[in-house]
Amino acid sequence: MSVAHDVTEATFTEEVLNSKDTIMVDFWAEWCGPCRAVSPILDAIAAEHADKIKIVKLNVDDNPQLAIKYQITSIPAMKVFRNGEVVKTVIGAKPKPAIEADLAEFLA
């Protein structure tokens, strides 16, 4: 996978929870300026580290039940999943080096 792609409530279990890969879910919304700012950064990280982490996007407006389940109160919020469990949470738009630092344990 070279860039982040969308997941929905219908595909979340299969693509995220049942995956053996390390998956980062970007919880975002179209109206969110910081979400739009971080999106190309996440696409670049997904392309550069496709062998280590997969990045998917979940629109919180279109998938409110998952936003509630994962207690998304501020966006952008990114949660890293391994074996169906959240192992890391990153909140807010940050420059690429800061996001890579947050994800260092998964990108090594």
Protein backbone atom coordinates (compact mmCIF):
# COMPACT_ATOMS: atom_id res chain seq x y z
CA MET A 1 0.00 0.00 0.00
CA SER A 2 1.57 3.28 -1.04
CA VAL A 3 -0.95 5.76 0.34
CA ALA A 4 -3.54 5.73 3.05
CA HIS A 5 -6.98 4.55 1.97
CA ASP A 6 -10.43 4.81 3.54
CA VAL A 7 -12.00 2.30 5.90
CA THR A 8 -15.57 2.34 7.16
CA GLU A 9 -17.59 0.72 9.92
CA ALA A 10 -18.31 -2.08 7.41
CA THR A 11 -14.62 -2.75 6.63
CA PHE A 12 -12.93 -1.80 9.93
CA THR A 13 -12.98 -5.24 11.55
CA GLU A 14 -11.52 -6.98 8.52
CA GLU A 15 -8.95 -4.34 7.56
CA VAL A 16 -7.85 -3.19 11.02
CA LEU A 17 -8.85 -5.51 13.85
CA ASN A 18 -8.22 -8.80 12.01
CA SER A 19 -5.00 -7.64 10.35
CA LYS A 20 -1.66 -9.13 11.32
CA ASP A 21 0.03 -5.92 10.16
CA THR A 22 0.67 -2.80 12.20
CA ILE A 23 -2.11 -0.43 11.15
CA MET A 24 -2.45 3.27 11.93
CA VAL A 25 -5.98 4.64 11.68
CA ASP A 26 -6.28 8.35 10.98
CA PHE A 27 -9.58 9.56 12.44
CA TRP A 28 -10.47 12.69 10.45
CA ALA A 29 -13.27 14.83 8.95
CA GLU A 30 -13.52 16.85 5.74
CA TRP A 31 -14.21 20.12 7.59
CA CYS A 32 -11.09 19.73 9.76
CA GLY A 33 -8.25 21.94 8.52
CA PRO A 34 -5.54 20.24 10.61
CA CYS A 35 -6.76 16.87 9.27
CA ARG A 36 -6.29 18.09 5.72
CA ALA A 37 -2.83 19.38 6.63
CA VAL A 38 -1.67 16.06 8.09
CA SER A 39 -3.14 13.91 5.31
CA PRO A 40 -0.27 14.30 2.78
CA ILE A 41 2.23 13.68 5.58
CA LEU A 42 0.52 10.39 6.43
CA ASP A 43 0.42 9.46 2.74
CA ALA A 44 4.19 10.05 2.55
CA ILE A 45 4.83 7.96 5.66
CA ALA A 46 2.60 5.20 4.27
CA ALA A 47 4.57 5.21 1.00
CA GLU A 48 8.01 5.36 2.63
CA HIS A 49 7.30 2.70 5.28
CA ALA A 50 4.83 0.42 3.48
CA ASP A 51 6.75 -2.63 4.67
CA LYS A 52 6.41 -1.64 8.34
CA ILE A 53 3.08 0.15 8.81
CA LYS A 54 -0.16 0.53 6.90
CA ILE A 55 -2.15 3.72 7.25
CA VAL A 56 -5.90 3.94 6.75
CA LYS A 57 -8.33 6.84 7.15
CA LEU A 58 -11.67 6.79 8.92
CA ASN A 59 -14.06 9.72 8.44
CA VAL A 60 -15.62 10.32 11.87
CA ASP A 61 -18.68 12.05 10.41
CA ASP A 62 -19.48 9.05 8.20
CA ASN A 63 -18.57 6.46 10.87
CA PRO A 64 -19.71 7.89 14.22
CA GLN A 65 -19.97 4.54 16.03
CA LEU A 66 -16.24 3.88 15.64
CA ALA A 67 -15.41 7.44 16.70
CA ILE A 68 -17.44 6.84 19.88
CA LYS A 69 -15.96 3.39 20.48
CA TYR A 70 -12.40 4.69 20.28
CA GLN A 71 -13.22 7.86 22.28
CA ILE A 72 -12.28 10.30 19.55
CA THR A 73 -12.90 13.72 21.06
CA SER A 74 -10.34 15.71 19.08
CA ILE A 75 -9.19 15.30 15.49
CA PRO A 76 -6.92 14.53 13.84
CA ALA A 77 -6.41 11.53 16.08
CA MET A 78 -4.28 8.60 14.99
CA LYS A 79 -4.37 5.23 16.68
CA VAL A 80 -1.92 2.44 15.99
CA PHE A 81 -3.35 -1.08 16.13
CA ARG A 82 -1.51 -4.38 16.51
CA ASN A 83 -3.43 -7.64 16.66
CA GLY A 84 -6.70 -5.75 17.04
CA GLU A 85 -5.57 -3.67 20.02
CA VAL A 86 -4.67 0.02 20.25
CA VAL A 87 -0.98 0.24 21.15
CA LYS A 88 -0.38 3.96 20.55
CA THR A 89 -2.40 7.16 20.19
CA VAL A 90 -1.19 10.36 18.52
CA ILE A 91 -3.38 13.47 18.76
CA GLY A 92 -3.16 16.58 16.61
CA ALA A 93 -1.53 17.72 13.40
CA LYS A 94 2.25 17.65 13.58
CA PRO A 95 5.09 18.02 11.09
CA LYS A 96 6.38 14.84 9.48
CA PRO A 97 9.48 14.48 11.72
CA ALA A 98 7.30 14.67 14.84
CA ILE A 99 4.87 12.02 13.55
CA GLU A 100 7.79 9.80 12.54
CA ALA A 101 9.23 10.25 16.05
CA ASP A 102 5.87 9.24 17.53
CA LEU A 103 5.89 6.15 15.30
CA ALA A 104 9.61 5.35 15.71
CA GLU A 105 9.02 2.06 17.53
CA PHE A 106 6.90 0.84 14.59
CA LEU A 107 9.13 2.17 11.80
CA ALA A 108 12.44 0.75 13.12
